[in-house]
Amino acid sequence: MGETTEHRSGFHRQNIGTADVARLVAALDQQDAAAGVRRLRAWTHEVLAAGDGERALDVGCGTGSQTLRLADAVGPAGDALGVEPNPGLRAVAEERAAAAGSRARFTDGDALALPLPGASVDVVWCERVLQHVTEPDRAVAEMARVLRPGGRIALLDTDWATTILHPGEPAVMAAFTAAALASAANPHAGRELVGRLTRAGLVIDDRGAQALLQDHRSVPWPLVRMLGESAVRRGLLSREECDRAYAGLEEAAGRGALHMSVTMFAVVAHRPG
């Protein structure tokens, strides 16, 4: 992922220590298991249509789950390479590929300076990377650079401004969700995908979206409380307002009335020529 002067994301290599890797792996595995993520990925892979013998690139591949999927799609005659700057995540990806008998390969690299020559890949996949990059246009231009004429690219990302937490007083819930916006370098990444691809000279083929809904029976309370505490620290809520909000959300979850969601977008495009 991109290296710039600002690194709020835990996924930037400057912010990652050895102790953080297990936490990041757990978070990525939880995302892999989420029904909404799986549905959007399935749709995107169908539209992207990586095929036998093609060269595929997974930018910011994390634990490599989608690199392995691309490797299956391109087969023994093809090549699937995952680029990941975090050595801990990259080691996990390599271990999982070996355990699965996958031909997927992994290398160190940055979204702003991909370690590949121009026009060298048929398919690019980049999921939830741009929200962590403070120069997203530069990253998309770099992906376009390595894509051959006629090659396809899939960008998937979250738009944190679509976060919904309900029920509660609208102003109080807005203070909670404001913390989600503050946690990402590029919190509106999802809504910006089409424009960034177009500016890079790519042609839009299709687009999709999926609301990622949190089951009220398994609410991530540590995340909810992190948002609330952030709102208090930033002066958006008083301690009393925050505590009342916690109690109201917990009561709503107990009767099956809590709604928590954020929307993830996907866009598939191709390089003309």
C-alpha atoms as a PDB file:
ATOM      1  CA  MET A   1       0.000   0.000   0.000  1.00  0.00           C
ATOM      2  CA  GLY A   2       1.101   3.511  -0.712  1.00  0.00           C
ATOM      3  CA  GLU A   3       3.806   5.219   1.306  1.00  0.00           C
ATOM      4  CA  THR A   4       3.203   8.938   1.843  1.00  0.00           C
ATOM      5  CA  THR A   5       3.779  11.474   4.562  1.00  0.00           C
ATOM      6  CA  GLU A   6       0.576  10.501   6.412  1.00  0.00           C
ATOM      7  CA  HIS A   7       0.043   6.946   7.680  1.00  0.00           C
ATOM      8  CA  ARG A   8      -3.058   6.595   9.821  1.00  0.00           C
ATOM      9  CA  SER A   9      -3.861   3.079   8.672  1.00  0.00           C
ATOM     10  CA  GLY A  10      -2.557   0.099  10.583  1.00  0.00           C
ATOM     11  CA  PHE A  11      -1.887  -1.554   7.258  1.00  0.00           C
ATOM     12  CA  HIS A  12       0.956   0.833   6.394  1.00  0.00           C
ATOM     13  CA  ARG A  13       4.277  -0.882   6.978  1.00  0.00           C
ATOM     14  CA  GLN A  14       5.483   2.109   9.043  1.00  0.00           C
ATOM     15  CA  ASN A  15       2.700   1.428  11.567  1.00  0.00           C
ATOM     16  CA  ILE A  16       3.069  -2.332  11.883  1.00  0.00           C
ATOM     17  CA  GLY A  17       5.003  -4.183  14.545  1.00  0.00           C
ATOM     18  CA  THR A  18       5.281  -7.929  14.947  1.00  0.00           C
ATOM     19  CA  ALA A  19       2.541  -7.956  17.569  1.00  0.00           C
ATOM     20  CA  ASP A  20       0.064  -6.367  15.140  1.00  0.00           C
ATOM     21  CA  VAL A  21       0.209  -9.114  12.515  1.00  0.00           C
ATOM     22  CA  ALA A  22      -2.052 -11.572  14.360  1.00  0.00           C
ATOM     23  CA  ARG A  23      -4.645  -8.839  14.867  1.00  0.00           C
ATOM     24  CA  LEU A  24      -4.580  -7.876  11.185  1.00  0.00           C
ATOM     25  CA  VAL A  25      -4.796 -11.501  10.070  1.00  0.00           C
ATOM     26  CA  ALA A  26      -7.800 -12.038  12.351  1.00  0.00           C
ATOM     27  CA  ALA A  27      -9.497  -8.928  10.931  1.00  0.00           C
ATOM     28  CA  LEU A  28      -8.854 -10.003   7.327  1.00  0.00           C
ATOM     29  CA  ASP A  29     -10.085 -13.535   8.030  1.00  0.00           C
ATOM     30  CA  GLN A  30     -13.258 -12.118   9.557  1.00  0.00           C
ATOM     31  CA  GLN A  31     -13.791 -10.016   6.435  1.00  0.00           C
ATOM     32  CA  ASP A  32     -13.195 -13.064   4.227  1.00  0.00           C
ATOM     33  CA  ALA A  33     -15.969 -14.889   6.073  1.00  0.00           C
ATOM     34  CA  ALA A  34     -18.518 -12.037   5.866  1.00  0.00           C
ATOM     35  CA  ALA A  35     -21.469 -12.931   3.649  1.00  0.00           C
ATOM     36  CA  GLY A  36     -21.663  -9.481   2.054  1.00  0.00           C
ATOM     37  CA  VAL A  37     -17.964  -9.461   1.177  1.00  0.00           C
ATOM     38  CA  ARG A  38     -18.242 -12.934  -0.330  1.00  0.00           C
ATOM     39  CA  ARG A  39     -21.233 -11.906  -2.475  1.00  0.00           C
ATOM     40  CA  LEU A  40     -19.518  -8.791  -3.816  1.00  0.00           C
ATOM     41  CA  ARG A  41     -16.307 -10.687  -4.512  1.00  0.00           C
ATOM     42  CA  ALA A  42     -18.191 -13.416  -6.373  1.00  0.00           C
ATOM     43  CA  TRP A  43     -19.929 -10.855  -8.595  1.00  0.00           C
ATOM     44  CA  THR A  44     -16.661  -9.032  -9.252  1.00  0.00           C
ATOM     45  CA  HIS A  45     -14.726 -12.182 -10.143  1.00  0.00           C
ATOM     46  CA  GLU A  46     -17.501 -13.150 -12.567  1.00  0.00           C
ATOM     47  CA  VAL A  47     -17.319  -9.792 -14.338  1.00  0.00           C
ATOM     48  CA  LEU A  48     -13.505  -9.653 -14.265  1.00  0.00           C
ATOM     49  CA  ALA A  49     -13.378 -13.164 -15.775  1.00  0.00           C
ATOM     50  CA  ALA A  50      -9.711 -14.019 -15.247  1.00  0.00           C
ATOM     51  CA  GLY A  51      -9.011 -16.874 -17.642  1.00  0.00           C
ATOM     52  CA  ASP A  52      -6.675 -19.733 -18.371  1.00  0.00           C
ATOM     53  CA  GLY A  53      -3.112 -18.694 -19.130  1.00  0.00           C
ATOM     54  CA  GLU A  54      -3.494 -15.057 -18.083  1.00  0.00           C
ATOM     55  CA  ARG A  55      -1.178 -13.080 -15.826  1.00  0.00           C
ATOM     56  CA  ALA A  56      -2.995 -11.750 -12.747  1.00  0.00           C
ATOM     57  CA  LEU A  57      -1.880  -9.222 -10.141  1.00  0.00           C
ATOM     58  CA  ASP A  58      -3.382  -8.738  -6.659  1.00  0.00           C
ATOM     59  CA  VAL A  59      -2.339  -5.337  -5.259  1.00  0.00           C
ATOM     60  CA  GLY A  60      -2.230  -5.157  -1.455  1.00  0.00           C
ATOM     61  CA  CYS A  61      -3.072  -8.855  -1.237  1.00  0.00           C
ATOM     62  CA  GLY A  62      -2.974  -9.210   2.563  1.00  0.00           C
ATOM     63  CA  THR A  63      -3.247 -12.887   3.484  1.00  0.00           C
ATOM     64  CA  GLY A  64      -3.570 -13.829  -0.198  1.00  0.00           C
ATOM     65  CA  SER A  65      -7.114 -15.202  -0.270  1.00  0.00           C
ATOM     66  CA  GLN A  66      -7.938 -13.524  -3.566  1.00  0.00           C
ATOM     67  CA  THR A  67      -4.500 -14.211  -5.047  1.00  0.00           C
ATOM     68  CA  LEU A  68      -5.233 -17.913  -4.559  1.00  0.00           C
ATOM     69  CA  ARG A  69      -8.596 -17.482  -6.236  1.00  0.00           C
ATOM     70  CA  LEU A  70      -6.953 -15.735  -9.185  1.00  0.00           C
ATOM     71  CA  ALA A  71      -4.350 -18.508  -9.380  1.00  0.00           C
ATOM     72  CA  ASP A  72      -7.140 -21.074  -9.680  1.00  0.00           C
ATOM     73  CA  ALA A  73      -8.767 -19.018 -12.439  1.00  0.00           C
ATOM     74  CA  VAL A  74      -5.635 -18.611 -14.570  1.00  0.00           C
ATOM     75  CA  GLY A  75      -4.536 -22.224 -14.098  1.00  0.00           C
ATOM     76  CA  PRO A  76      -1.080 -23.794 -14.463  1.00  0.00           C
ATOM     77  CA  ALA A  77      -0.441 -21.940 -17.712  1.00  0.00           C
ATOM     78  CA  GLY A  78      -1.059 -18.576 -16.061  1.00  0.00           C
ATOM     79  CA  ASP A  79       0.516 -16.639 -13.228  1.00  0.00           C
ATOM     80  CA  ALA A  80      -0.957 -14.972 -10.135  1.00  0.00           C
ATOM     81  CA  LEU A  81       1.224 -12.575  -8.159  1.00  0.00           C
ATOM     82  CA  GLY A  82       0.254 -10.922  -4.883  1.00  0.00           C
ATOM     83  CA  VAL A  83       2.008  -7.677  -3.925  1.00  0.00           C
ATOM     84  CA  GLU A  84       2.060  -6.962  -0.184  1.00  0.00           C
ATOM     85  CA  PRO A  85       4.339  -4.545   1.733  1.00  0.00           C
ATOM     86  CA  ASN A  86       3.715  -6.059   5.168  1.00  0.00           C
ATOM     87  CA  PRO A  87       6.203  -8.938   5.635  1.00  0.00           C
ATOM     88  CA  GLY A  88       4.078 -10.569   8.321  1.00  0.00           C
ATOM     89  CA  LEU A  89       0.974 -10.704   6.124  1.00  0.00           C
ATOM     90  CA  ARG A  90       3.074 -11.809   3.170  1.00  0.00           C
ATOM     91  CA  ALA A  91       4.497 -14.713   5.196  1.00  0.00           C
ATOM     92  CA  VAL A  92       0.964 -15.820   6.099  1.00  0.00           C
ATOM     93  CA  ALA A  93      -0.044 -15.623   2.424  1.00  0.00           C
ATOM     94  CA  GLU A  94       2.921 -17.773   1.410  1.00  0.00           C
ATOM     95  CA  GLU A  95       2.174 -20.354   4.121  1.00  0.00           C
ATOM     96  CA  ARG A  96      -1.481 -20.595   3.115  1.00  0.00           C
ATOM     97  CA  ALA A  97      -0.636 -20.907  -0.571  1.00  0.00           C
ATOM     98  CA  ALA A  98       1.791 -23.716   0.162  1.00  0.00           C
ATOM     99  CA  ALA A  99      -0.761 -25.506   2.346  1.00  0.00           C
ATOM    100  CA  ALA A 100      -3.364 -25.232  -0.434  1.00  0.00           C
ATOM    101  CA  GLY A 101      -0.959 -26.429  -3.117  1.00  0.00           C
ATOM    102  CA  SER A 102      -1.517 -23.149  -4.950  1.00  0.00           C
ATOM    103  CA  ARG A 103       0.801 -21.736  -7.615  1.00  0.00           C
ATOM    104  CA  ALA A 104       0.166 -18.186  -6.323  1.00  0.00           C
ATOM    105  CA  ARG A 105       3.334 -16.147  -5.758  1.00  0.00           C
ATOM    106  CA  PHE A 106       3.950 -13.206  -3.449  1.00  0.00           C
ATOM    107  CA  THR A 107       6.402 -10.334  -3.393  1.00  0.00           C
ATOM    108  CA  ASP A 108       7.173  -7.148  -1.512  1.00  0.00           C
ATOM    109  CA  GLY A 109       5.898  -4.020  -3.196  1.00  0.00           C
ATOM    110  CA  ASP A 110       4.005  -0.762  -2.938  1.00  0.00           C
ATOM    111  CA  ALA A 111       0.826   0.330  -4.697  1.00  0.00           C
ATOM    112  CA  LEU A 112       2.590   3.523  -5.748  1.00  0.00           C
ATOM    113  CA  ALA A 113       5.545   1.700  -7.323  1.00  0.00           C
ATOM    114  CA  LEU A 114       4.564  -1.787  -8.474  1.00  0.00           C
ATOM    115  CA  PRO A 115       7.564  -4.066  -9.136  1.00  0.00           C
ATOM    116  CA  LEU A 116       6.446  -4.932 -12.688  1.00  0.00           C
ATOM    117  CA  PRO A 117       7.123  -3.585 -16.180  1.00  0.00           C
ATOM    118  CA  GLY A 118       4.469  -1.693 -18.094  1.00  0.00           C
ATOM    119  CA  ALA A 119       1.717  -3.535 -19.976  1.00  0.00           C
ATOM    120  CA  SER A 120       2.751  -6.841 -18.401  1.00  0.00           C
ATOM    121  CA  VAL A 121      -0.449  -8.199 -16.788  1.00  0.00           C
ATOM    122  CA  ASP A 122      -3.885  -9.182 -18.070  1.00  0.00           C
ATOM    123  CA  VAL A 123      -5.868  -8.791 -14.855  1.00  0.00           C
ATOM    124  CA  VAL A 124      -5.494  -6.557 -11.785  1.00  0.00           C
ATOM    125  CA  TRP A 125      -7.385  -7.013  -8.510  1.00  0.00           C
ATOM    126  CA  CYS A 126      -7.177  -4.374  -5.763  1.00  0.00           C
ATOM    127  CA  GLU A 127      -9.460  -4.659  -2.748  1.00  0.00           C
ATOM    128  CA  ARG A 128      -9.755  -2.216   0.170  1.00  0.00           C
ATOM    129  CA  VAL A 129      -6.367  -0.674  -0.503  1.00  0.00           C
ATOM    130  CA  LEU A 130      -7.272   2.815  -1.709  1.00  0.00           C
ATOM    131  CA  GLN A 131      -8.941   3.721   1.597  1.00  0.00           C
ATOM    132  CA  HIS A 132      -5.480   3.422   3.180  1.00  0.00           C
ATOM    133  CA  VAL A 133      -3.629   5.453   0.529  1.00  0.00           C
ATOM    134  CA  THR A 134      -3.317   9.231   0.639  1.00  0.00           C
ATOM    135  CA  GLU A 135      -2.402   9.364  -3.086  1.00  0.00           C
ATOM    136  CA  PRO A 136      -5.088   7.088  -4.575  1.00  0.00           C
ATOM    137  CA  ASP A 137      -4.979   8.603  -8.079  1.00  0.00           C
ATOM    138  CA  ARG A 138      -1.283   7.846  -8.249  1.00  0.00           C
ATOM    139  CA  ALA A 139      -1.930   4.250  -7.148  1.00  0.00           C
ATOM    140  CA  VAL A 140      -4.635   3.712  -9.793  1.00  0.00           C
ATOM    141  CA  ALA A 141      -2.373   5.237 -12.468  1.00  0.00           C
ATOM    142  CA  GLU A 142       0.328   2.761 -11.456  1.00  0.00           C
ATOM    143  CA  MET A 143      -2.095  -0.156 -11.820  1.00  0.00           C
ATOM    144  CA  ALA A 144      -3.116   1.158 -15.234  1.00  0.00           C
ATOM    145  CA  ARG A 145       0.562   1.332 -16.190  1.00  0.00           C
ATOM    146  CA  VAL A 146       1.156  -2.405 -15.666  1.00  0.00           C
ATOM    147  CA  LEU A 147      -2.096  -3.415 -17.378  1.00  0.00           C
ATOM    148  CA  ARG A 148      -1.781  -4.503 -21.009  1.00  0.00           C
ATOM    149  CA  PRO A 149      -4.093  -3.014 -23.664  1.00  0.00           C
ATOM    150  CA  GLY A 150      -7.386  -4.859 -23.367  1.00  0.00           C
ATOM    151  CA  GLY A 151      -6.549  -5.981 -19.825  1.00  0.00           C
ATOM    152  CA  ARG A 152      -9.103  -5.701 -17.011  1.00  0.00           C
ATOM    153  CA  ILE A 153      -8.986  -4.241 -13.536  1.00  0.00           C
ATOM    154  CA  ALA A 154     -11.254  -4.657 -10.503  1.00  0.00           C
ATOM    155  CA  LEU A 155     -11.235  -2.130  -7.683  1.00  0.00           C
ATOM    156  CA  LEU A 156     -13.232  -2.854  -4.522  1.00  0.00           C
ATOM    157  CA  ASP A 157     -13.423  -0.489  -1.583  1.00  0.00           C
ATOM    158  CA  THR A 158     -15.476   0.685   1.364  1.00  0.00           C
ATOM    159  CA  ASP A 159     -17.135   4.085   1.627  1.00  0.00           C
ATOM    160  CA  TRP A 160     -17.032   4.897   5.329  1.00  0.00           C
ATOM    161  CA  ALA A 161     -19.456   7.804   4.902  1.00  0.00           C
ATOM    162  CA  THR A 162     -22.171   5.166   4.361  1.00  0.00           C
ATOM    163  CA  THR A 163     -21.788   3.867   7.924  1.00  0.00           C
ATOM    164  CA  ILE A 164     -25.151   3.459   9.667  1.00  0.00           C
ATOM    165  CA  LEU A 165     -25.594   2.798  13.380  1.00  0.00           C
ATOM    166  CA  HIS A 166     -29.202   2.664  14.635  1.00  0.00           C
ATOM    167  CA  PRO A 167     -31.187   3.262  16.845  1.00  0.00           C
ATOM    168  CA  GLY A 168     -30.197   6.412  18.709  1.00  0.00           C
ATOM    169  CA  GLU A 169     -30.454  10.156  18.533  1.00  0.00           C
ATOM    170  CA  PRO A 170     -29.361  11.117  14.999  1.00  0.00           C
ATOM    171  CA  ALA A 171     -26.785  13.663  16.185  1.00  0.00           C
ATOM    172  CA  VAL A 172     -25.269  11.179  18.630  1.00  0.00           C
ATOM    173  CA  MET A 173     -25.090   8.392  16.047  1.00  0.00           C
ATOM    174  CA  ALA A 174     -23.524  10.853  13.592  1.00  0.00           C
ATOM    175  CA  ALA A 175     -20.791  11.516  16.155  1.00  0.00           C
ATOM    176  CA  PHE A 176     -20.147   7.766  16.421  1.00  0.00           C
ATOM    177  CA  THR A 177     -19.896   7.310  12.663  1.00  0.00           C
ATOM    178  CA  ALA A 178     -17.676  10.395  12.286  1.00  0.00           C
ATOM    179  CA  ALA A 179     -14.956   8.352  13.959  1.00  0.00           C
ATOM    180  CA  ALA A 180     -15.162   5.801  11.150  1.00  0.00           C
ATOM    181  CA  LEU A 181     -14.432   8.598   8.669  1.00  0.00           C
ATOM    182  CA  ALA A 182     -11.450   9.744  10.715  1.00  0.00           C
ATOM    183  CA  SER A 183      -9.914   6.260  10.815  1.00  0.00           C
ATOM    184  CA  ALA A 184      -9.155   6.015   7.089  1.00  0.00           C
ATOM    185  CA  ALA A 185      -6.721   8.060   5.023  1.00  0.00           C
ATOM    186  CA  ASN A 186      -9.263   8.079   2.176  1.00  0.00           C
ATOM    187  CA  PRO A 187     -12.677   7.418   3.786  1.00  0.00           C
ATOM    188  CA  HIS A 188     -14.738   8.048   0.619  1.00  0.00           C
ATOM    189  CA  ALA A 189     -12.772   5.505  -1.429  1.00  0.00           C
ATOM    190  CA  GLY A 190     -15.827   3.541  -2.543  1.00  0.00           C
ATOM    191  CA  ARG A 191     -17.672   6.393  -4.238  1.00  0.00           C
ATOM    192  CA  GLU A 192     -14.491   7.581  -5.951  1.00  0.00           C
ATOM    193  CA  LEU A 193     -13.599   4.367  -7.791  1.00  0.00           C
ATOM    194  CA  VAL A 194     -15.301   5.226 -11.094  1.00  0.00           C
ATOM    195  CA  GLY A 195     -13.748   8.674 -11.300  1.00  0.00           C
ATOM    196  CA  ARG A 196     -10.264   7.437 -10.462  1.00  0.00           C
ATOM    197  CA  LEU A 197     -10.387   4.703 -13.095  1.00  0.00           C
ATOM    198  CA  THR A 198     -11.661   7.140 -15.715  1.00  0.00           C
ATOM    199  CA  ARG A 199      -8.917   9.662 -14.905  1.00  0.00           C
ATOM    200  CA  ALA A 200      -6.358   6.871 -15.393  1.00  0.00           C
ATOM    201  CA  GLY A 201      -7.610   6.404 -18.972  1.00  0.00           C
ATOM    202  CA  LEU A 202      -9.558   3.206 -18.299  1.00  0.00           C
ATOM    203  CA  VAL A 203     -13.042   2.363 -19.595  1.00  0.00           C
ATOM    204  CA  ILE A 204     -15.736   1.350 -17.092  1.00  0.00           C
ATOM    205  CA  ASP A 205     -17.352  -2.030 -17.810  1.00  0.00           C
ATOM    206  CA  ASP A 206     -19.600  -2.562 -14.791  1.00  0.00           C
ATOM    207  CA  ARG A 207     -20.107  -1.571 -11.186  1.00  0.00           C
ATOM    208  CA  GLY A 208     -21.702  -3.147  -8.135  1.00  0.00           C
ATOM    209  CA  ALA A 209     -22.301  -2.580  -4.426  1.00  0.00           C
ATOM    210  CA  GLN A 210     -23.065  -4.526  -1.287  1.00  0.00           C
ATOM    211  CA  ALA A 211     -24.190  -3.321   2.121  1.00  0.00           C
ATOM    212  CA  LEU A 212     -22.146  -5.156   4.750  1.00  0.00           C
ATOM    213  CA  LEU A 213     -24.703  -5.842   7.462  1.00  0.00           C
ATOM    214  CA  GLN A 214     -23.722  -6.693  11.016  1.00  0.00           C
ATOM    215  CA  ASP A 215     -25.842  -9.399  12.663  1.00  0.00           C
ATOM    216  CA  HIS A 216     -27.401  -8.005  15.853  1.00  0.00           C
ATOM    217  CA  ARG A 217     -26.539 -11.289  17.595  1.00  0.00           C
ATOM    218  CA  SER A 218     -22.789 -10.774  17.094  1.00  0.00           C
ATOM    219  CA  VAL A 219     -22.233  -7.033  17.319  1.00  0.00           C
ATOM    220  CA  PRO A 220     -18.519  -6.037  17.390  1.00  0.00           C
ATOM    221  CA  TRP A 221     -18.868  -4.132  20.647  1.00  0.00           C
ATOM    222  CA  PRO A 222     -15.139  -3.284  20.877  1.00  0.00           C
ATOM    223  CA  LEU A 223     -15.482  -1.470  17.538  1.00  0.00           C
ATOM    224  CA  VAL A 224     -18.648   0.343  18.651  1.00  0.00           C
ATOM    225  CA  ARG A 225     -16.940   1.451  21.842  1.00  0.00           C
ATOM    226  CA  MET A 226     -13.839   2.529  19.928  1.00  0.00           C
ATOM    227  CA  LEU A 227     -16.033   4.803  17.820  1.00  0.00           C
ATOM    228  CA  GLY A 228     -17.754   6.194  20.888  1.00  0.00           C
ATOM    229  CA  GLU A 229     -14.521   6.848  22.768  1.00  0.00           C
ATOM    230  CA  SER A 230     -13.102   8.592  19.706  1.00  0.00           C
ATOM    231  CA  ALA A 231     -16.176  10.839  19.588  1.00  0.00           C
ATOM    232  CA  VAL A 232     -15.678  11.742  23.275  1.00  0.00           C
ATOM    233  CA  ARG A 233     -11.964  12.482  22.799  1.00  0.00           C
ATOM    234  CA  ARG A 234     -12.734  14.732  19.851  1.00  0.00           C
ATOM    235  CA  GLY A 235     -15.337  16.638  21.841  1.00  0.00           C
ATOM    236  CA  LEU A 236     -18.233  15.483  19.675  1.00  0.00           C
ATOM    237  CA  LEU A 237     -20.010  13.808  22.599  1.00  0.00           C
ATOM    238  CA  SER A 238     -20.042  14.150  26.359  1.00  0.00           C
ATOM    239  CA  ARG A 239     -19.279  11.097  28.481  1.00  0.00           C
ATOM    240  CA  GLU A 240     -22.924  10.978  29.548  1.00  0.00           C
ATOM    241  CA  GLU A 241     -24.183  11.083  25.941  1.00  0.00           C
ATOM    242  CA  CYS A 242     -21.780   8.340  24.960  1.00  0.00           C
ATOM    243  CA  ASP A 243     -22.754   6.061  27.852  1.00  0.00           C
ATOM    244  CA  ARG A 244     -26.475   6.554  27.126  1.00  0.00           C
ATOM    245  CA  ALA A 245     -25.812   5.646  23.507  1.00  0.00           C
ATOM    246  CA  TYR A 246     -23.988   2.441  24.522  1.00  0.00           C
ATOM    247  CA  ALA A 247     -26.902   1.436  26.741  1.00  0.00           C
ATOM    248  CA  GLY A 248     -29.459   2.165  24.018  1.00  0.00           C
ATOM    249  CA  LEU A 249     -27.561   0.164  21.398  1.00  0.00           C
ATOM    250  CA  GLU A 250     -27.115  -2.777  23.745  1.00  0.00           C
ATOM    251  CA  GLU A 251     -30.828  -2.722  24.586  1.00  0.00           C
ATOM    252  CA  ALA A 252     -31.711  -2.602  20.875  1.00  0.00           C
ATOM    253  CA  ALA A 253     -29.403  -5.535  20.116  1.00  0.00           C
ATOM    254  CA  GLY A 254     -31.056  -7.527  22.888  1.00  0.00           C
ATOM    255  CA  ARG A 255     -34.466  -7.189  21.249  1.00  0.00           C
ATOM    256  CA  GLY A 256     -33.153  -7.699  17.721  1.00  0.00           C
ATOM    257  CA  ALA A 257     -33.544  -4.069  16.607  1.00  0.00           C
ATOM    258  CA  LEU A 258     -29.943  -2.925  16.137  1.00  0.00           C
ATOM    259  CA  HIS A 259     -28.766  -2.014  12.628  1.00  0.00           C
ATOM    260  CA  MET A 260     -25.075  -1.586  11.833  1.00  0.00           C
ATOM    261  CA  SER A 261     -23.802  -1.447   8.269  1.00  0.00           C
ATOM    262  CA  VAL A 262     -21.387   0.083   5.790  1.00  0.00           C
ATOM    263  CA  THR A 263     -21.431  -0.141   1.982  1.00  0.00           C
ATOM    264  CA  MET A 264     -18.665  -1.583  -0.169  1.00  0.00           C
ATOM    265  CA  PHE A 265     -18.405  -0.823  -3.892  1.00  0.00           C
ATOM    266  CA  ALA A 266     -16.774  -2.625  -6.814  1.00  0.00           C
ATOM    267  CA  VAL A 267     -15.926  -1.375 -10.306  1.00  0.00           C
ATOM    268  CA  VAL A 268     -14.520  -3.348 -13.237  1.00  0.00           C
ATOM    269  CA  ALA A 269     -12.829  -1.512 -16.107  1.00  0.00           C
ATOM    270  CA  HIS A 270     -10.445  -2.226 -18.981  1.00  0.00           C
ATOM    271  CA  ARG A 271      -7.522  -0.523 -20.664  1.00  0.00           C
ATOM    272  CA  PRO A 272      -8.438   0.403 -24.221  1.00  0.00           C
ATOM    273  CA  GLY A 273      -6.235  -0.503 -27.139  1.00  0.00           C
END
